[in-house]
Amino acid sequence: MAWVYLLVAGLLEIVWAFFMKQSDGFTKIGPTIMTFVAAAASFALLSVSMKSLPLGTAYVVWTGIGAVGAFVLAIAVLGEEAGIMRIVAGSLIVAGLILMKLSTPE
């Protein structure tokens, strides 16, 4: 169950990063509230997952999901550039996440 909590925490990290961008430097109240709510929920689930997962694994996977997810969302929704070097870099992060998961005892 810890891995499920960690996955959801990572997905919520994508949500808060997106809404932080939409908040325009915390000048728009709706996106600002969404940023803080999603961040709090993300931190809470990360904390729960760390009860049974190693710190290094949990933190790397959490930040990796957030980083790659925000990267993909920015390309898909915000129209950011999807150059080959950026895609290779994102792919390497995903490969690292897979290796981290495979190397962590259950």
N, C-alpha and C. Protein backbone atom coordinates (compact mmCIF):
# COMPACT_ATOMS: atom_id res chain seq x y z
N MET A 1 0.81 -1.20 0.00
CA MET A 1 0.00 0.00 0.00
C MET A 1 0.86 1.27 0.00
N ALA A 2 2.07 1.16 0.54
CA ALA A 2 2.95 2.33 0.59
C ALA A 2 3.26 2.85 -0.81
N TRP A 3 3.41 1.93 -1.76
CA TRP A 3 3.69 2.35 -3.14
C TRP A 3 2.51 3.09 -3.75
N VAL A 4 1.30 2.69 -3.39
CA VAL A 4 0.10 3.39 -3.89
C VAL A 4 0.07 4.81 -3.32
N TYR A 5 0.32 4.93 -2.00
CA TYR A 5 0.37 6.25 -1.39
C TYR A 5 1.43 7.12 -2.05
N LEU A 6 2.56 6.52 -2.33
CA LEU A 6 3.65 7.26 -2.95
C LEU A 6 3.29 7.70 -4.37
N LEU A 7 2.65 6.84 -5.12
CA LEU A 7 2.21 7.19 -6.48
C LEU A 7 1.23 8.36 -6.43
N VAL A 8 0.25 8.28 -5.56
CA VAL A 8 -0.73 9.37 -5.45
C VAL A 8 -0.04 10.66 -4.99
N ALA A 9 0.89 10.55 -4.05
CA ALA A 9 1.64 11.72 -3.60
C ALA A 9 2.39 12.36 -4.77
N GLY A 10 3.00 11.54 -5.62
CA GLY A 10 3.71 12.05 -6.79
C GLY A 10 2.76 12.72 -7.78
N LEU A 11 1.58 12.13 -7.97
CA LEU A 11 0.60 12.74 -8.87
C LEU A 11 0.12 14.08 -8.33
N LEU A 12 -0.05 14.15 -7.02
CA LEU A 12 -0.44 15.42 -6.41
C LEU A 12 0.67 16.46 -6.51
N GLU A 13 1.91 16.01 -6.57
CA GLU A 13 3.01 16.95 -6.78
C GLU A 13 2.89 17.61 -8.15
N ILE A 14 2.48 16.83 -9.14
CA ILE A 14 2.24 17.39 -10.48
C ILE A 14 1.13 18.44 -10.41
N VAL A 15 0.07 18.11 -9.67
CA VAL A 15 -1.07 19.03 -9.54
C VAL A 15 -0.63 20.35 -8.91
N TRP A 16 0.12 20.26 -7.80
CA TRP A 16 0.48 21.53 -7.16
C TRP A 16 1.48 22.33 -7.98
N ALA A 17 2.35 21.66 -8.71
CA ALA A 17 3.29 22.38 -9.57
C ALA A 17 2.54 23.11 -10.69
N PHE A 18 1.56 22.43 -11.28
CA PHE A 18 0.75 23.05 -12.34
C PHE A 18 0.01 24.27 -11.81
N PHE A 19 -0.66 24.10 -10.67
CA PHE A 19 -1.43 25.23 -10.14
C PHE A 19 -0.53 26.35 -9.63
N MET A 20 0.69 26.02 -9.20
CA MET A 20 1.62 27.08 -8.82
C MET A 20 1.93 27.95 -10.04
N LYS A 21 2.13 27.32 -11.18
CA LYS A 21 2.36 28.07 -12.41
C LYS A 21 1.14 28.92 -12.75
N GLN A 22 -0.05 28.34 -12.59
CA GLN A 22 -1.28 29.05 -12.90
C GLN A 22 -1.56 30.19 -11.92
N SER A 23 -0.97 30.12 -10.72
CA SER A 23 -1.25 31.14 -9.70
C SER A 23 -0.60 32.48 -10.01
N ASP A 24 0.31 32.50 -10.98
CA ASP A 24 0.98 33.74 -11.39
C ASP A 24 1.66 34.41 -10.19
N GLY A 25 2.53 33.63 -9.55
CA GLY A 25 3.27 34.16 -8.39
C GLY A 25 2.37 34.36 -7.18
N PHE A 26 1.40 33.48 -7.02
CA PHE A 26 0.43 33.52 -5.91
C PHE A 26 -0.41 34.79 -5.92
N THR A 27 -0.68 35.33 -7.11
CA THR A 27 -1.53 36.51 -7.23
C THR A 27 -2.97 36.16 -7.60
N LYS A 28 -3.22 34.89 -7.95
CA LYS A 28 -4.57 34.44 -8.27
C LYS A 28 -5.01 33.47 -7.18
N ILE A 29 -6.12 33.78 -6.52
CA ILE A 29 -6.51 33.07 -5.31
C ILE A 29 -6.88 31.60 -5.55
N GLY A 30 -7.65 31.30 -6.59
CA GLY A 30 -8.07 29.92 -6.85
C GLY A 30 -6.89 28.98 -7.05
N PRO A 31 -6.02 29.28 -8.01
CA PRO A 31 -4.85 28.42 -8.20
C PRO A 31 -3.92 28.39 -6.99
N THR A 32 -3.85 29.48 -6.24
CA THR A 32 -3.01 29.50 -5.04
C THR A 32 -3.55 28.53 -4.00
N ILE A 33 -4.85 28.53 -3.79
CA ILE A 33 -5.47 27.59 -2.85
C ILE A 33 -5.24 26.16 -3.30
N MET A 34 -5.44 25.90 -4.59
CA MET A 34 -5.22 24.54 -5.13
C MET A 34 -3.77 24.11 -4.92
N THR A 35 -2.84 25.03 -5.10
CA THR A 35 -1.43 24.72 -4.89
C THR A 35 -1.19 24.22 -3.47
N PHE A 36 -1.68 24.96 -2.49
CA PHE A 36 -1.43 24.61 -1.10
C PHE A 36 -2.18 23.36 -0.65
N VAL A 37 -3.39 23.17 -1.14
CA VAL A 37 -4.16 21.97 -0.79
C VAL A 37 -3.48 20.73 -1.37
N ALA A 38 -3.12 20.79 -2.66
CA ALA A 38 -2.47 19.63 -3.30
C ALA A 38 -1.10 19.36 -2.67
N ALA A 39 -0.36 20.42 -2.34
CA ALA A 39 0.95 20.24 -1.71
C ALA A 39 0.82 19.58 -0.34
N ALA A 40 -0.15 20.04 0.44
CA ALA A 40 -0.34 19.45 1.78
C ALA A 40 -0.73 17.98 1.67
N ALA A 41 -1.62 17.66 0.75
CA ALA A 41 -2.03 16.26 0.57
C ALA A 41 -0.86 15.42 0.07
N SER A 42 -0.06 15.98 -0.83
CA SER A 42 1.10 15.28 -1.35
C SER A 42 2.11 14.97 -0.25
N PHE A 43 2.40 15.97 0.59
CA PHE A 43 3.33 15.77 1.70
C PHE A 43 2.80 14.73 2.68
N ALA A 44 1.50 14.80 2.95
CA ALA A 44 0.91 13.86 3.90
C ALA A 44 1.04 12.42 3.40
N LEU A 45 0.73 12.21 2.13
CA LEU A 45 0.83 10.85 1.57
C LEU A 45 2.28 10.40 1.47
N LEU A 46 3.18 11.31 1.16
CA LEU A 46 4.60 10.97 1.16
C LEU A 46 5.02 10.50 2.55
N SER A 47 4.57 11.22 3.55
CA SER A 47 4.89 10.86 4.94
C SER A 47 4.37 9.48 5.30
N VAL A 48 3.15 9.18 4.89
CA VAL A 48 2.58 7.86 5.17
C VAL A 48 3.39 6.77 4.47
N SER A 49 3.78 7.03 3.22
CA SER A 49 4.54 6.02 2.47
C SER A 49 5.90 5.77 3.12
N MET A 50 6.46 6.78 3.77
CA MET A 50 7.77 6.65 4.40
C MET A 50 7.73 5.81 5.68
N LYS A 51 6.56 5.46 6.14
CA LYS A 51 6.49 4.58 7.30
C LYS A 51 7.10 3.22 6.98
N SER A 52 6.98 2.79 5.72
CA SER A 52 7.51 1.48 5.37
C SER A 52 8.52 1.50 4.22
N LEU A 53 8.63 2.60 3.52
CA LEU A 53 9.62 2.68 2.44
C LEU A 53 10.85 3.45 2.93
N PRO A 54 12.02 3.11 2.41
CA PRO A 54 13.22 3.86 2.78
C PRO A 54 13.11 5.33 2.34
N LEU A 55 13.67 6.21 3.12
CA LEU A 55 13.65 7.64 2.82
C LEU A 55 14.14 7.93 1.41
N GLY A 56 15.31 7.41 1.07
CA GLY A 56 15.89 7.70 -0.25
C GLY A 56 15.00 7.26 -1.38
N THR A 57 14.45 6.07 -1.27
CA THR A 57 13.56 5.56 -2.32
C THR A 57 12.32 6.41 -2.43
N ALA A 58 11.65 6.65 -1.31
CA ALA A 58 10.40 7.41 -1.33
C ALA A 58 10.62 8.81 -1.90
N TYR A 59 11.66 9.48 -1.45
CA TYR A 59 11.88 10.85 -1.89
C TYR A 59 12.25 10.91 -3.37
N VAL A 60 13.11 10.03 -3.81
CA VAL A 60 13.51 10.02 -5.22
C VAL A 60 12.32 9.72 -6.12
N VAL A 61 11.52 8.74 -5.76
CA VAL A 61 10.36 8.39 -6.58
C VAL A 61 9.35 9.53 -6.57
N TRP A 62 9.09 10.12 -5.42
CA TRP A 62 8.14 11.23 -5.31
C TRP A 62 8.57 12.41 -6.19
N THR A 63 9.82 12.83 -6.05
CA THR A 63 10.28 13.96 -6.86
C THR A 63 10.35 13.60 -8.33
N GLY A 64 10.70 12.35 -8.64
CA GLY A 64 10.78 11.93 -10.04
C GLY A 64 9.42 11.94 -10.71
N ILE A 65 8.41 11.40 -10.02
CA ILE A 65 7.06 11.43 -10.58
C ILE A 65 6.63 12.87 -10.82
N GLY A 66 6.88 13.72 -9.84
CA GLY A 66 6.52 15.13 -9.98
C GLY A 66 7.26 15.81 -11.11
N ALA A 67 8.54 15.56 -11.20
CA ALA A 67 9.35 16.21 -12.23
C ALA A 67 8.95 15.77 -13.63
N VAL A 68 8.86 14.48 -13.84
CA VAL A 68 8.50 13.97 -15.17
C VAL A 68 7.05 14.33 -15.50
N GLY A 69 6.18 14.20 -14.51
CA GLY A 69 4.77 14.54 -14.75
C GLY A 69 4.59 16.00 -15.10
N ALA A 70 5.25 16.88 -14.37
CA ALA A 70 5.16 18.31 -14.66
C ALA A 70 5.75 18.62 -16.03
N PHE A 71 6.83 17.94 -16.37
CA PHE A 71 7.46 18.10 -17.68
C PHE A 71 6.49 17.72 -18.80
N VAL A 72 5.84 16.56 -18.67
CA VAL A 72 4.89 16.09 -19.69
C VAL A 72 3.68 17.01 -19.75
N LEU A 73 3.16 17.39 -18.60
CA LEU A 73 2.00 18.29 -18.55
C LEU A 73 2.32 19.64 -19.19
N ALA A 74 3.51 20.16 -18.93
CA ALA A 74 3.90 21.45 -19.50
C ALA A 74 3.96 21.38 -21.03
N ILE A 75 4.42 20.26 -21.54
CA ILE A 75 4.46 20.09 -23.00
C ILE A 75 3.04 19.94 -23.55
N ALA A 76 2.25 19.07 -22.92
CA ALA A 76 0.92 18.75 -23.44
C ALA A 76 -0.08 19.89 -23.27
N VAL A 77 -0.03 20.59 -22.14
CA VAL A 77 -1.06 21.58 -21.84
C VAL A 77 -0.58 23.01 -22.05
N LEU A 78 0.66 23.28 -21.68
CA LEU A 78 1.15 24.65 -21.74
C LEU A 78 1.95 24.96 -23.00
N GLY A 79 2.16 23.96 -23.83
CA GLY A 79 2.84 24.18 -25.10
C GLY A 79 4.34 24.40 -25.00
N GLU A 80 4.94 23.92 -23.94
CA GLU A 80 6.40 24.05 -23.82
C GLU A 80 7.09 23.17 -24.86
N GLU A 81 8.32 23.52 -25.17
CA GLU A 81 9.10 22.79 -26.18
C GLU A 81 9.36 21.34 -25.76
N ALA A 82 9.29 20.45 -26.74
CA ALA A 82 9.56 19.02 -26.50
C ALA A 82 10.75 18.59 -27.34
N GLY A 83 11.88 19.22 -27.14
CA GLY A 83 13.07 18.88 -27.91
C GLY A 83 13.61 17.50 -27.56
N ILE A 84 14.41 16.96 -28.44
CA ILE A 84 14.93 15.60 -28.27
C ILE A 84 15.76 15.48 -26.99
N MET A 85 16.58 16.46 -26.69
CA MET A 85 17.41 16.40 -25.48
C MET A 85 16.53 16.40 -24.22
N ARG A 86 15.46 17.18 -24.23
CA ARG A 86 14.56 17.22 -23.08
C ARG A 86 13.84 15.88 -22.92
N ILE A 87 13.44 15.27 -24.01
CA ILE A 87 12.76 13.98 -23.95
C ILE A 87 13.73 12.90 -23.46
N VAL A 88 14.95 12.92 -23.93
CA VAL A 88 15.96 11.96 -23.46
C VAL A 88 16.18 12.15 -21.96
N ALA A 89 16.29 13.38 -21.51
CA ALA A 89 16.50 13.65 -20.09
C ALA A 89 15.32 13.13 -19.26
N GLY A 90 14.10 13.39 -19.70
CA GLY A 90 12.93 12.87 -19.01
C GLY A 90 12.90 11.35 -18.99
N SER A 91 13.30 10.74 -20.09
CA SER A 91 13.35 9.28 -20.17
C SER A 91 14.36 8.70 -19.20
N LEU A 92 15.49 9.38 -19.03
CA LEU A 92 16.49 8.91 -18.07
C LEU A 92 15.97 8.98 -16.63
N ILE A 93 15.17 10.00 -16.34
CA ILE A 93 14.56 10.09 -15.01
C ILE A 93 13.61 8.92 -14.80
N VAL A 94 12.79 8.62 -15.82
CA VAL A 94 11.87 7.48 -15.72
C VAL A 94 12.64 6.18 -15.52
N ALA A 95 13.73 6.01 -16.25
CA ALA A 95 14.55 4.80 -16.09
C ALA A 95 15.09 4.71 -14.66
N GLY A 96 15.50 5.83 -14.10
CA GLY A 96 15.98 5.84 -12.73
C GLY A 96 14.88 5.47 -11.74
N LEU A 97 13.67 5.93 -11.99
CA LEU A 97 12.55 5.59 -11.11
C LEU A 97 12.26 4.09 -11.15
N ILE A 98 12.30 3.53 -12.35
CA ILE A 98 12.07 2.08 -12.48
C ILE A 98 13.15 1.31 -11.75
N LEU A 99 14.39 1.71 -11.91
CA LEU A 99 15.49 1.03 -11.22
C LEU A 99 15.36 1.17 -9.71
N MET A 100 14.94 2.33 -9.24
CA MET A 100 14.76 2.54 -7.80
C MET A 100 13.67 1.60 -7.27
N LYS A 101 12.59 1.48 -8.00
CA LYS A 101 11.50 0.60 -7.57
C LYS A 101 11.97 -0.84 -7.56
N LEU A 102 12.66 -1.28 -8.60
CA LEU A 102 13.12 -2.66 -8.69
C LEU A 102 14.18 -3.00 -7.64
N SER A 103 14.92 -2.00 -7.20
CA SER A 103 16.01 -2.27 -6.26
C SER A 103 15.59 -2.13 -4.79
N THR A 104 14.33 -1.78 -4.56
CA THR A 104 13.86 -1.60 -3.19
C THR A 104 13.13 -2.84 -2.72
N PRO A 105 13.57 -3.42 -1.60
CA PRO A 105 12.88 -4.60 -1.09
C PRO A 105 11.46 -4.24 -0.64
N GLU A 106 10.57 -5.19 -0.81
CA GLU A 106 9.16 -4.96 -0.42
C GLU A 106 9.01 -4.99 1.06
